[in-house]
C-alpha atoms as a PDB file:
ATOM      1  CA  MET A   1      20.931  -9.112  42.551  1.00  0.00           C
ATOM      2  CA  GLU A   2      20.651  -8.672  38.842  1.00  0.00           C
ATOM      3  CA  ARG A   3      18.508 -12.355  38.509  1.00  0.00           C
ATOM      4  CA  LYS A   4      15.754 -10.017  40.935  1.00  0.00           C
ATOM      5  CA  TYR A   5      15.467  -7.373  38.295  1.00  0.00           C
ATOM      6  CA  THR A   6      15.236 -10.117  35.078  1.00  0.00           C
ATOM      7  CA  GLU A   7      13.007 -11.973  37.343  1.00  0.00           C
ATOM      8  CA  ASP A   8      10.696  -8.890  37.600  1.00  0.00           C
ATOM      9  CA  ALA A   9      11.066  -7.897  34.111  1.00  0.00           C
ATOM     10  CA  LYS A  10       9.937 -10.911  32.917  1.00  0.00           C
ATOM     11  CA  ALA A  11       6.674 -10.903  35.203  1.00  0.00           C
ATOM     12  CA  PHE A  12       6.014  -7.060  34.386  1.00  0.00           C
ATOM     13  CA  LYS A  13       5.883  -8.624  30.367  1.00  0.00           C
ATOM     14  CA  VAL A  14       3.408 -10.987  31.067  1.00  0.00           C
ATOM     15  CA  LEU A  15       1.311  -8.699  32.769  1.00  0.00           C
ATOM     16  CA  SER A  16       1.691  -6.231  30.042  1.00  0.00           C
ATOM     17  CA  ASP A  17      -1.037  -7.386  27.615  1.00  0.00           C
ATOM     18  CA  GLU A  18      -4.278  -6.110  28.009  1.00  0.00           C
ATOM     19  CA  ASN A  19      -5.914  -9.686  27.368  1.00  0.00           C
ATOM     20  CA  ARG A  20      -3.965 -11.188  30.318  1.00  0.00           C
ATOM     21  CA  LEU A  21      -4.944  -8.770  32.672  1.00  0.00           C
ATOM     22  CA  ARG A  22      -8.578  -9.116  31.420  1.00  0.00           C
ATOM     23  CA  ILE A  23      -8.179 -12.912  32.555  1.00  0.00           C
ATOM     24  CA  LEU A  24      -6.770 -12.736  35.391  1.00  0.00           C
ATOM     25  CA  GLU A  25      -9.685  -9.718  36.369  1.00  0.00           C
ATOM     26  CA  MET A  26     -12.167 -12.500  35.389  1.00  0.00           C
ATOM     27  CA  LEU A  27     -10.614 -15.125  37.505  1.00  0.00           C
ATOM     28  CA  TYR A  28     -10.328 -13.284  40.755  1.00  0.00           C
ATOM     29  CA  SER A  29     -13.702 -14.092  41.375  1.00  0.00           C
ATOM     30  CA  GLY A  30     -12.885 -17.863  41.578  1.00  0.00           C
ATOM     31  CA  GLU A  31     -12.092 -20.558  38.720  1.00  0.00           C
ATOM     32  CA  LYS A  32     -13.290 -20.422  35.224  1.00  0.00           C
ATOM     33  CA  CYS A  33     -13.656 -22.793  32.373  1.00  0.00           C
ATOM     34  CA  ALA A  34     -11.913 -21.933  29.596  1.00  0.00           C
ATOM     35  CA  CYS A  35     -15.295 -21.592  28.087  1.00  0.00           C
ATOM     36  CA  VAL A  36     -16.394 -18.975  30.209  1.00  0.00           C
ATOM     37  CA  LEU A  37     -13.200 -16.722  29.401  1.00  0.00           C
ATOM     38  CA  LEU A  38     -14.007 -17.152  25.726  1.00  0.00           C
ATOM     39  CA  GLU A  39     -17.468 -15.913  26.011  1.00  0.00           C
ATOM     40  CA  GLU A  40     -16.486 -12.816  27.727  1.00  0.00           C
ATOM     41  CA  LEU A  41     -13.196 -12.207  25.612  1.00  0.00           C
ATOM     42  CA  GLU A  42     -13.412 -11.181  22.094  1.00  0.00           C
ATOM     43  CA  ILE A  43     -10.423 -13.396  21.097  1.00  0.00           C
ATOM     44  CA  THR A  44     -10.277 -16.812  19.511  1.00  0.00           C
ATOM     45  CA  GLN A  45      -9.979 -20.018  21.121  1.00  0.00           C
ATOM     46  CA  PRO A  46      -5.798 -20.600  19.986  1.00  0.00           C
ATOM     47  CA  THR A  47      -5.144 -16.676  21.502  1.00  0.00           C
ATOM     48  CA  LEU A  48      -6.849 -17.761  24.530  1.00  0.00           C
ATOM     49  CA  SER A  49      -4.615 -21.243  24.467  1.00  0.00           C
ATOM     50  CA  HIS A  50      -1.805 -18.844  23.861  1.00  0.00           C
ATOM     51  CA  HIS A  51      -2.405 -16.330  27.018  1.00  0.00           C
ATOM     52  CA  MET A  52      -3.547 -18.824  29.418  1.00  0.00           C
ATOM     53  CA  LYS A  53      -0.040 -21.005  28.661  1.00  0.00           C
ATOM     54  CA  ILE A  54       1.794 -17.636  29.349  1.00  0.00           C
ATOM     55  CA  LEU A  55       0.141 -17.198  32.352  1.00  0.00           C
ATOM     56  CA  GLU A  56       0.670 -21.041  33.745  1.00  0.00           C
ATOM     57  CA  GLU A  57       4.187 -21.301  32.977  1.00  0.00           C
ATOM     58  CA  SER A  58       4.933 -17.834  34.409  1.00  0.00           C
ATOM     59  CA  GLY A  59       3.054 -19.287  37.596  1.00  0.00           C
ATOM     60  CA  PHE A  60       0.495 -16.530  37.797  1.00  0.00           C
ATOM     61  CA  ILE A  61      -2.242 -18.876  37.076  1.00  0.00           C
ATOM     62  CA  MET A  62      -3.343 -22.803  37.621  1.00  0.00           C
ATOM     63  CA  VAL A  63      -4.752 -25.240  35.553  1.00  0.00           C
ATOM     64  CA  ARG A  64      -6.958 -28.274  36.664  1.00  0.00           C
ATOM     65  CA  LYS A  65      -7.636 -30.753  33.715  1.00  0.00           C
ATOM     66  CA  ASN A  66     -11.468 -31.930  34.184  1.00  0.00           C
ATOM     67  CA  GLY A  67     -11.609 -34.601  31.028  1.00  0.00           C
ATOM     68  CA  LYS A  68     -11.118 -32.451  28.253  1.00  0.00           C
ATOM     69  CA  TRP A  69     -12.057 -29.314  29.990  1.00  0.00           C
ATOM     70  CA  SER A  70      -9.521 -26.865  31.403  1.00  0.00           C
ATOM     71  CA  ASN A  71     -10.236 -25.072  34.632  1.00  0.00           C
ATOM     72  CA  TYR A  72      -8.242 -22.025  35.412  1.00  0.00           C
ATOM     73  CA  SER A  73      -7.602 -19.990  39.207  1.00  0.00           C
ATOM     74  CA  ILE A  74      -5.253 -17.516  40.206  1.00  0.00           C
ATOM     75  CA  CYS A  75      -2.172 -18.590  42.055  1.00  0.00           C
ATOM     76  CA  GLN A  76      -2.655 -16.563  45.331  1.00  0.00           C
ATOM     77  CA  GLY A  77       1.013 -17.009  46.188  1.00  0.00           C
ATOM     78  CA  LYS A  78       2.445 -15.787  43.034  1.00  0.00           C
ATOM     79  CA  MET A  79       0.057 -12.894  43.129  1.00  0.00           C
ATOM     80  CA  LYS A  80       1.382 -11.969  46.465  1.00  0.00           C
ATOM     81  CA  GLN A  81       4.972 -12.259  45.625  1.00  0.00           C
ATOM     82  CA  PHE A  82       4.598  -9.945  42.618  1.00  0.00           C
ATOM     83  CA  ASN A  83       2.431  -7.638  44.583  1.00  0.00           C
ATOM     84  CA  ASP A  84       4.913  -7.379  47.354  1.00  0.00           C
ATOM     85  CA  ARG A  85       7.727  -7.058  44.466  1.00  0.00           C
ATOM     86  CA  LEU A  86       5.868  -4.199  42.818  1.00  0.00           C
ATOM     87  CA  SER A  87       5.614  -2.159  46.061  1.00  0.00           C
ATOM     88  CA  ASP A  88       9.659  -2.087  46.266  1.00  0.00           C
ATOM     89  CA  TYR A  89       9.804  -0.263  43.194  1.00  0.00           C
ATOM     90  CA  THR A  90       6.579   2.049  43.698  1.00  0.00           C
ATOM     91  CA  ARG A  91       7.074   2.957  47.504  1.00  0.00           C
ATOM     92  CA  ILE A  92       6.880   6.631  47.977  1.00  0.00           C
ATOM     93  CA  ASN A  93       8.765   8.289  51.011  1.00  0.00           C
ATOM     94  CA  ILE A  94       6.871  11.178  52.576  1.00  0.00           C
END
């Protein structure tokens, strides 16, 4: 039971960053190259790489390498799992 809270807290921490939320929102419309993400965000390439690594390691996004380019997309399964877990904490009994 305690492990559930630890894993949930880690996921919440990953999503508690404004840039990572913006990245996820951009990826909802489909796969994007890192260069497209950089054009929209006002961050440096190393900062983007840092955020993408955190999102990928947490399972929220997937990366597909195409030569020297990296294309990112939402991991639908992880997002559904997170949404289900979040609803456990936010349900209201009326």
